Amino acid sequence: MRNILLVDGENFKKKIESVFEEEGEGEPDWSSYNFRGLIDHVLSGINLGDRVFYIARIKEHEETKEKSRELIEKQRGLKANLINSGFTVVSAGNVKGWPYGKKGRLIFKEKGVDVRIAVDMIVRACIDGDIDTIILGSSDSDLQPAVSELNKRSVRSIYLGFESNPNKGLTYTMGKTILIRNREVIEFKSQNPHKLL
């Protein structure tokens, strides 16, 4: 039996971006952010098998070609960084442009990654039966029904969230909660982090 980590990439990145903003750190560079170091640090003592990072497919949007291309390039850097760090990257769902506000300004939102994570959780834990513990790096409440199915089948679950605004529903539903501190998020902003104090 194994312990696996499933990370909702867009959700996880948004949380990291929020911490960077709170701490006055600017924008994270996804091509060099030390995801492996952060995960190894906060999950020390847990022997991880698979580390799966889910990302949404980004397609060029007609109305905002320049922004679409920028997002695609950033995602390429992220994907290369993750693969080089030993993560399996799964493309699921899509990033689409959505009109926002009175002026119809276009914003980009991810849709569908949570569905793929939920399916993978159920298949790996309940059908394949090769999982002892699932560690979920997501603060998406939509995953609670899948977590409830894990609980019914005695599969251990750990919610990997952030100290800044953790998801109370997942904290309640999952067997254990590990929260990443803001200082830890900042500490691993590059591949060569300083030692934690």
Protein backbone atom coordinates (compact mmCIF):
# COMPACT_ATOMS: atom_id res chain seq x y z
CA MET A 1 0.00 0.00 0.00
CA ARG A 2 1.15 3.54 -0.73
CA ASN A 3 0.66 7.15 0.21
CA ILE A 4 -0.04 9.46 -2.71
CA LEU A 5 -0.25 13.22 -3.07
CA LEU A 6 -2.84 14.73 -5.42
CA VAL A 7 -2.46 18.48 -5.99
CA ASP A 8 -5.08 20.69 -7.62
CA GLY A 9 -2.54 22.85 -9.41
CA GLU A 10 -4.60 25.97 -10.10
CA ASN A 11 -6.06 25.94 -6.61
CA PHE A 12 -2.65 25.37 -4.99
CA LYS A 13 -1.00 28.08 -7.09
CA LYS A 14 -3.74 30.59 -6.20
CA LYS A 15 -3.10 29.93 -2.50
CA ILE A 16 0.64 30.44 -2.98
CA GLU A 17 0.01 33.64 -4.97
CA SER A 18 -2.22 34.89 -2.15
CA VAL A 19 0.54 34.28 0.39
CA PHE A 20 3.11 36.04 -1.82
CA GLU A 21 0.76 39.03 -2.04
CA GLU A 22 0.14 39.07 1.74
CA GLU A 23 3.88 38.92 2.39
CA GLY A 24 4.75 41.58 -0.23
CA GLU A 25 6.78 39.15 -2.35
CA GLY A 26 5.47 39.98 -5.84
CA GLU A 27 4.54 37.13 -8.17
CA PRO A 28 5.97 33.62 -7.81
CA ASP A 29 8.08 32.27 -10.68
CA TRP A 30 6.50 28.88 -11.40
CA SER A 31 9.46 27.77 -13.49
CA SER A 32 11.70 27.82 -10.40
CA TYR A 33 9.37 27.54 -7.39
CA ASN A 34 10.58 24.66 -5.19
CA PHE A 35 7.37 22.62 -4.94
CA ARG A 36 9.34 19.47 -4.08
CA GLY A 37 11.15 21.17 -1.22
CA LEU A 38 7.93 22.62 0.17
CA ILE A 39 6.09 19.28 -0.03
CA ASP A 40 9.01 17.29 1.43
CA HIS A 41 9.29 19.78 4.29
CA VAL A 42 5.62 19.93 5.29
CA LEU A 43 5.07 16.19 4.79
CA SER A 44 8.32 15.08 6.45
CA GLY A 45 7.86 11.68 8.02
CA ILE A 46 5.35 10.57 5.38
CA ASN A 47 6.75 8.22 2.76
CA LEU A 48 5.20 9.42 -0.50
CA GLY A 49 4.70 7.21 -3.52
CA ASP A 50 3.16 9.19 -6.36
CA ARG A 51 3.19 12.99 -6.45
CA VAL A 52 0.55 14.05 -8.96
CA PHE A 53 0.05 17.69 -9.95
CA TYR A 54 -3.09 18.43 -11.98
CA ILE A 55 -3.11 21.38 -14.36
CA ALA A 56 -5.77 22.69 -16.70
CA ARG A 57 -5.18 22.87 -20.45
CA ILE A 58 -4.74 26.42 -21.69
CA LYS A 59 -5.85 27.25 -25.20
CA GLU A 60 -5.26 30.43 -27.10
CA HIS A 61 -8.26 32.72 -26.75
CA GLU A 62 -9.18 34.78 -29.82
CA GLU A 63 -9.93 37.98 -27.90
CA THR A 64 -6.76 37.89 -25.82
CA LYS A 65 -4.08 36.13 -27.83
CA GLU A 66 -1.21 37.89 -26.06
CA LYS A 67 -2.45 37.00 -22.56
CA SER A 68 -3.23 33.44 -23.68
CA ARG A 69 0.29 33.01 -25.02
CA GLU A 70 1.75 34.41 -21.80
CA LEU A 71 -0.26 31.91 -19.74
CA ILE A 72 0.78 29.04 -22.03
CA GLU A 73 4.47 29.96 -21.66
CA LYS A 74 4.19 30.19 -17.87
CA GLN A 75 2.50 26.80 -17.80
CA ARG A 76 5.30 25.26 -19.89
CA GLY A 77 7.82 26.52 -17.33
CA LEU A 78 5.69 25.17 -14.48
CA LYS A 79 5.30 21.78 -16.13
CA ALA A 80 9.04 21.43 -16.82
CA ASN A 81 9.83 22.44 -13.23
CA LEU A 82 7.39 19.89 -11.81
CA ILE A 83 8.57 17.03 -14.02
CA ASN A 84 12.21 17.79 -13.18
CA SER A 85 11.21 17.69 -9.49
CA GLY A 86 9.69 14.21 -9.73
CA PHE A 87 6.01 15.06 -10.07
CA THR A 88 3.64 13.41 -12.50
CA VAL A 89 1.76 16.17 -14.32
CA VAL A 90 -1.79 15.42 -15.43
CA SER A 91 -3.60 17.78 -17.80
CA ALA A 92 -7.31 17.89 -17.04
CA GLY A 93 -10.05 20.43 -17.53
CA ASN A 94 -9.53 23.72 -19.33
CA VAL A 95 -8.66 27.33 -18.68
CA LYS A 96 -11.20 29.52 -20.42
CA GLY A 97 -11.79 33.22 -20.77
CA TRP A 98 -14.96 34.39 -19.01
CA PRO A 99 -16.58 37.83 -19.25
CA TYR A 100 -16.43 39.59 -15.88
CA GLY A 101 -18.10 42.70 -14.52
CA LYS A 102 -20.16 45.38 -16.22
CA LYS A 103 -17.62 46.00 -18.95
CA GLY A 104 -17.31 42.31 -19.79
CA ARG A 105 -13.57 42.26 -19.11
CA LEU A 106 -12.19 38.79 -19.79
CA ILE A 107 -10.75 36.80 -16.90
CA PHE A 108 -9.29 33.31 -17.09
CA LYS A 109 -10.71 30.51 -14.94
CA GLU A 110 -9.97 26.82 -14.66
CA LYS A 111 -12.81 24.32 -14.91
CA GLY A 112 -12.81 20.55 -14.62
CA VAL A 113 -9.63 19.70 -12.70
CA ASP A 114 -11.58 18.88 -9.53
CA VAL A 115 -13.67 16.31 -11.42
CA ARG A 116 -10.54 14.49 -12.63
CA ILE A 117 -9.04 14.51 -9.12
CA ALA A 118 -12.27 13.10 -7.65
CA VAL A 119 -12.38 10.32 -10.26
CA ASP A 120 -8.70 9.46 -9.70
CA MET A 121 -9.20 9.39 -5.92
CA ILE A 122 -12.08 6.93 -6.21
CA VAL A 123 -10.43 4.74 -8.87
CA ARG A 124 -7.04 4.54 -7.13
CA ALA A 125 -8.37 4.03 -3.62
CA CYS A 126 -11.60 2.13 -4.10
CA ILE A 127 -11.31 0.23 -7.37
CA ASP A 128 -7.57 -0.38 -7.83
CA GLY A 129 -7.12 -0.61 -4.06
CA ASP A 130 -3.42 0.27 -4.21
CA ILE A 131 -3.61 3.29 -1.89
CA ASP A 132 -3.29 3.46 1.88
CA THR A 133 -3.47 7.26 2.29
CA ILE A 134 -4.46 10.07 -0.06
CA ILE A 135 -3.02 13.50 0.66
CA LEU A 136 -5.10 16.16 -1.04
CA GLY A 137 -3.45 19.46 -1.92
CA SER A 138 -6.62 21.38 -2.71
CA SER A 139 -9.04 23.68 -0.92
CA ASP A 140 -11.91 22.91 -3.28
CA SER A 141 -15.07 21.93 -1.37
CA ASP A 142 -16.35 20.14 -4.48
CA LEU A 143 -14.03 17.27 -3.53
CA GLN A 144 -15.86 16.53 -0.26
CA PRO A 145 -18.19 13.84 -1.74
CA ALA A 146 -15.17 11.91 -3.06
CA VAL A 147 -13.47 12.22 0.34
CA SER A 148 -16.63 10.87 1.99
CA GLU A 149 -16.38 7.79 -0.25
CA LEU A 150 -12.78 7.29 0.88
CA ASN A 151 -13.88 7.50 4.50
CA LYS A 152 -16.58 4.86 3.94
CA ARG A 153 -13.91 2.51 2.61
CA SER A 154 -11.43 3.19 5.44
CA VAL A 155 -8.90 4.90 3.17
CA ARG A 156 -6.94 7.46 5.18
CA SER A 157 -7.05 11.03 3.96
CA ILE A 158 -4.99 14.11 4.75
CA TYR A 159 -5.97 17.65 3.79
CA LEU A 160 -2.89 19.67 2.80
CA GLY A 161 -4.02 23.27 3.06
CA PHE A 162 -2.66 26.68 3.91
CA GLU A 163 -2.74 28.47 7.26
CA SER A 164 -4.10 31.47 5.42
CA ASN A 165 -7.80 30.66 4.98
CA PRO A 166 -7.98 26.84 5.16
CA ASN A 167 -11.13 25.11 3.89
CA LYS A 168 -13.19 24.29 6.97
CA GLY A 169 -15.29 21.69 5.14
CA LEU A 170 -12.25 19.68 4.06
CA THR A 171 -10.71 20.08 7.51
CA TYR A 172 -13.85 18.50 8.94
CA THR A 173 -14.30 15.80 6.27
CA MET A 174 -10.72 14.56 6.01
CA GLY A 175 -9.01 12.40 8.62
CA LYS A 176 -6.09 14.75 9.27
CA THR A 177 -5.12 18.30 8.35
CA ILE A 178 -1.65 19.67 7.66
CA LEU A 179 -1.46 23.41 7.07
CA ILE A 180 1.40 25.08 5.22
CA ARG A 181 2.61 28.22 7.00
CA ASN A 182 3.10 31.46 5.09
CA ARG A 183 6.81 31.53 5.97
CA GLU A 184 7.20 28.03 4.48
CA VAL A 185 5.58 29.14 1.22
CA ILE A 186 8.06 32.02 0.97
CA GLU A 187 11.04 29.92 2.10
CA PHE A 188 10.71 27.67 -0.96
CA LYS A 189 10.24 30.37 -3.59
CA SER A 190 13.28 29.12 -5.50
CA GLN A 191 15.07 25.81 -6.07
CA ASN A 192 17.79 26.76 -3.56
CA PRO A 193 15.90 27.65 -0.39
CA HIS A 194 17.64 28.83 2.76
CA LYS A 195 17.29 26.65 5.80
CA LEU A 196 14.20 27.35 7.86
CA LEU A 197 14.83 29.17 11.13
